[in-house]
Amino acid sequence: MGRFCGYKQSRGGSGTRVAGIVLMIVGLLLFLIFVPKWVWTSALGIICISVGFLLWRFGE
């Protein structure tokens, strides 16, 4: 259905998708492990999750 709406799915950029998934997993682990201990590491986890999602969603 995407081809009718003008959406073009690129086949390239699988490396950025993998990097995005890895960043989301690392960010989730940082967030889960360090939330009770240090605020800055939980903030780093949230940033990793956000950047990973952006790479996964919009990476080409």
N, C-alpha and C. Protein backbone atom coordinates (compact mmCIF):
# COMPACT_ATOMS: atom_id res chain seq x y z
N MET A 1 0.81 -1.18 0.00
CA MET A 1 0.00 0.00 0.00
C MET A 1 0.86 1.25 0.00
N GLY A 2 2.08 1.16 0.50
CA GLY A 2 2.94 2.32 0.58
C GLY A 2 3.28 2.89 -0.77
N ARG A 3 3.38 2.05 -1.79
CA ARG A 3 3.75 2.57 -3.11
C ARG A 3 2.65 3.43 -3.71
N PHE A 4 1.42 3.24 -3.27
CA PHE A 4 0.33 4.06 -3.77
C PHE A 4 0.27 5.42 -3.07
N CYS A 5 0.82 5.50 -1.89
CA CYS A 5 0.80 6.75 -1.12
C CYS A 5 2.05 7.58 -1.33
N GLY A 6 2.94 7.15 -2.19
CA GLY A 6 4.15 7.89 -2.45
C GLY A 6 5.27 7.56 -1.49
N TYR A 7 5.10 6.56 -0.64
CA TYR A 7 6.13 6.17 0.31
C TYR A 7 7.10 5.23 -0.37
N LYS A 8 8.38 5.56 -0.27
CA LYS A 8 9.40 4.71 -0.86
C LYS A 8 10.23 4.10 0.25
N GLN A 9 10.20 2.80 0.34
CA GLN A 9 11.00 2.12 1.34
C GLN A 9 12.36 1.84 0.75
N SER A 10 13.39 2.36 1.41
CA SER A 10 14.73 2.17 0.88
C SER A 10 15.30 0.85 1.39
N ARG A 11 15.98 0.14 0.53
CA ARG A 11 16.59 -1.12 0.90
C ARG A 11 17.95 -0.87 1.56
N GLY A 12 18.59 0.24 1.25
CA GLY A 12 19.86 0.58 1.87
C GLY A 12 19.64 1.09 3.28
N GLY A 13 20.71 1.20 4.00
CA GLY A 13 20.61 1.75 5.34
C GLY A 13 20.29 0.74 6.40
N SER A 14 20.52 -0.53 6.13
CA SER A 14 20.25 -1.53 7.15
C SER A 14 21.23 -1.39 8.30
N GLY A 15 22.39 -0.82 8.03
CA GLY A 15 23.37 -0.60 9.09
C GLY A 15 22.87 0.40 10.12
N THR A 16 22.18 1.44 9.67
CA THR A 16 21.65 2.41 10.62
C THR A 16 20.49 1.83 11.41
N ARG A 17 19.73 0.95 10.79
CA ARG A 17 18.64 0.29 11.51
C ARG A 17 19.19 -0.62 12.61
N VAL A 18 20.24 -1.35 12.29
CA VAL A 18 20.86 -2.22 13.29
C VAL A 18 21.47 -1.39 14.41
N ALA A 19 22.14 -0.29 14.03
CA ALA A 19 22.73 0.59 15.04
C ALA A 19 21.63 1.19 15.92
N GLY A 20 20.50 1.52 15.33
CA GLY A 20 19.39 2.05 16.11
C GLY A 20 18.84 1.05 17.10
N ILE A 21 18.71 -0.20 16.67
CA ILE A 21 18.22 -1.24 17.57
C ILE A 21 19.21 -1.49 18.70
N VAL A 22 20.50 -1.51 18.38
CA VAL A 22 21.52 -1.71 19.40
C VAL A 22 21.50 -0.56 20.41
N LEU A 23 21.39 0.68 19.93
CA LEU A 23 21.31 1.83 20.83
C LEU A 23 20.08 1.77 21.72
N MET A 24 18.96 1.34 21.17
CA MET A 24 17.75 1.23 22.00
C MET A 24 17.93 0.17 23.09
N ILE A 25 18.55 -0.95 22.76
CA ILE A 25 18.76 -2.00 23.75
C ILE A 25 19.73 -1.53 24.83
N VAL A 26 20.84 -0.90 24.42
CA VAL A 26 21.81 -0.39 25.39
C VAL A 26 21.17 0.67 26.28
N GLY A 27 20.40 1.56 25.69
CA GLY A 27 19.72 2.59 26.47
C GLY A 27 18.73 2.01 27.45
N LEU A 28 18.02 0.99 27.03
CA LEU A 28 17.06 0.34 27.93
C LEU A 28 17.77 -0.33 29.09
N LEU A 29 18.88 -1.00 28.81
CA LEU A 29 19.65 -1.63 29.88
C LEU A 29 20.21 -0.59 30.85
N LEU A 30 20.75 0.51 30.31
CA LEU A 30 21.26 1.58 31.18
C LEU A 30 20.14 2.14 32.04
N PHE A 31 19.00 2.33 31.44
CA PHE A 31 17.88 2.91 32.18
C PHE A 31 17.40 1.97 33.27
N LEU A 32 17.30 0.68 32.98
CA LEU A 32 16.80 -0.27 33.96
C LEU A 32 17.79 -0.54 35.09
N ILE A 33 19.06 -0.58 34.77
CA ILE A 33 20.06 -0.92 35.77
C ILE A 33 20.38 0.27 36.68
N PHE A 34 20.49 1.46 36.12
CA PHE A 34 21.02 2.58 36.87
C PHE A 34 19.99 3.60 37.34
N VAL A 35 18.71 3.35 37.14
CA VAL A 35 17.70 4.33 37.59
C VAL A 35 17.78 4.58 39.09
N PRO A 36 17.86 3.55 39.91
CA PRO A 36 17.88 3.86 41.35
C PRO A 36 19.18 4.50 41.82
N LYS A 37 20.26 4.37 41.07
CA LYS A 37 21.56 4.79 41.56
C LYS A 37 21.94 6.20 41.12
N TRP A 38 22.02 6.45 39.82
CA TRP A 38 22.49 7.73 39.34
C TRP A 38 21.52 8.29 38.32
N VAL A 39 21.23 9.56 38.47
CA VAL A 39 20.29 10.20 37.56
C VAL A 39 20.92 10.40 36.18
N TRP A 40 22.21 10.72 36.12
CA TRP A 40 22.82 11.02 34.83
C TRP A 40 22.91 9.78 33.94
N THR A 41 23.07 8.59 34.53
CA THR A 41 23.11 7.39 33.68
C THR A 41 21.72 7.02 33.17
N SER A 42 20.70 7.30 33.96
CA SER A 42 19.35 7.05 33.45
C SER A 42 19.01 8.05 32.35
N ALA A 43 19.50 9.29 32.48
CA ALA A 43 19.30 10.27 31.40
C ALA A 43 20.05 9.84 30.15
N LEU A 44 21.25 9.29 30.33
CA LEU A 44 22.01 8.77 29.18
C LEU A 44 21.27 7.61 28.52
N GLY A 45 20.63 6.77 29.32
CA GLY A 45 19.83 5.68 28.76
C GLY A 45 18.66 6.19 27.95
N ILE A 46 17.99 7.22 28.45
CA ILE A 46 16.86 7.80 27.70
C ILE A 46 17.35 8.42 26.40
N ILE A 47 18.50 9.07 26.44
CA ILE A 47 19.06 9.66 25.21
C ILE A 47 19.42 8.57 24.21
N CYS A 48 20.03 7.47 24.69
CA CYS A 48 20.37 6.36 23.79
C CYS A 48 19.13 5.75 23.16
N ILE A 49 18.08 5.60 23.94
CA ILE A 49 16.83 5.06 23.40
C ILE A 49 16.27 5.99 22.34
N SER A 50 16.29 7.30 22.60
CA SER A 50 15.74 8.26 21.66
C SER A 50 16.53 8.31 20.36
N VAL A 51 17.84 8.38 20.48
CA VAL A 51 18.69 8.42 19.27
C VAL A 51 18.57 7.10 18.51
N GLY A 52 18.53 5.99 19.22
CA GLY A 52 18.37 4.70 18.55
C GLY A 52 17.06 4.60 17.82
N PHE A 53 15.99 5.11 18.41
CA PHE A 53 14.70 5.08 17.73
C PHE A 53 14.72 5.95 16.48
N LEU A 54 15.33 7.13 16.59
CA LEU A 54 15.40 8.00 15.41
C LEU A 54 16.22 7.37 14.30
N LEU A 55 17.34 6.72 14.64
CA LEU A 55 18.13 6.03 13.62
C LEU A 55 17.36 4.87 13.02
N TRP A 56 16.66 4.13 13.86
CA TRP A 56 15.91 2.99 13.36
C TRP A 56 14.75 3.42 12.47
N ARG A 57 14.08 4.50 12.86
CA ARG A 57 12.89 4.93 12.12
C ARG A 57 13.23 5.69 10.84
N PHE A 58 14.22 6.59 10.92
CA PHE A 58 14.49 7.48 9.79
C PHE A 58 15.82 7.22 9.12
N GLY A 59 16.56 6.20 9.54
CA GLY A 59 17.87 5.93 8.95
C GLY A 59 17.75 5.39 7.54
N GLU A 60 18.65 5.86 6.70
CA GLU A 60 18.66 5.40 5.31
C GLU A 60 20.00 4.85 4.94
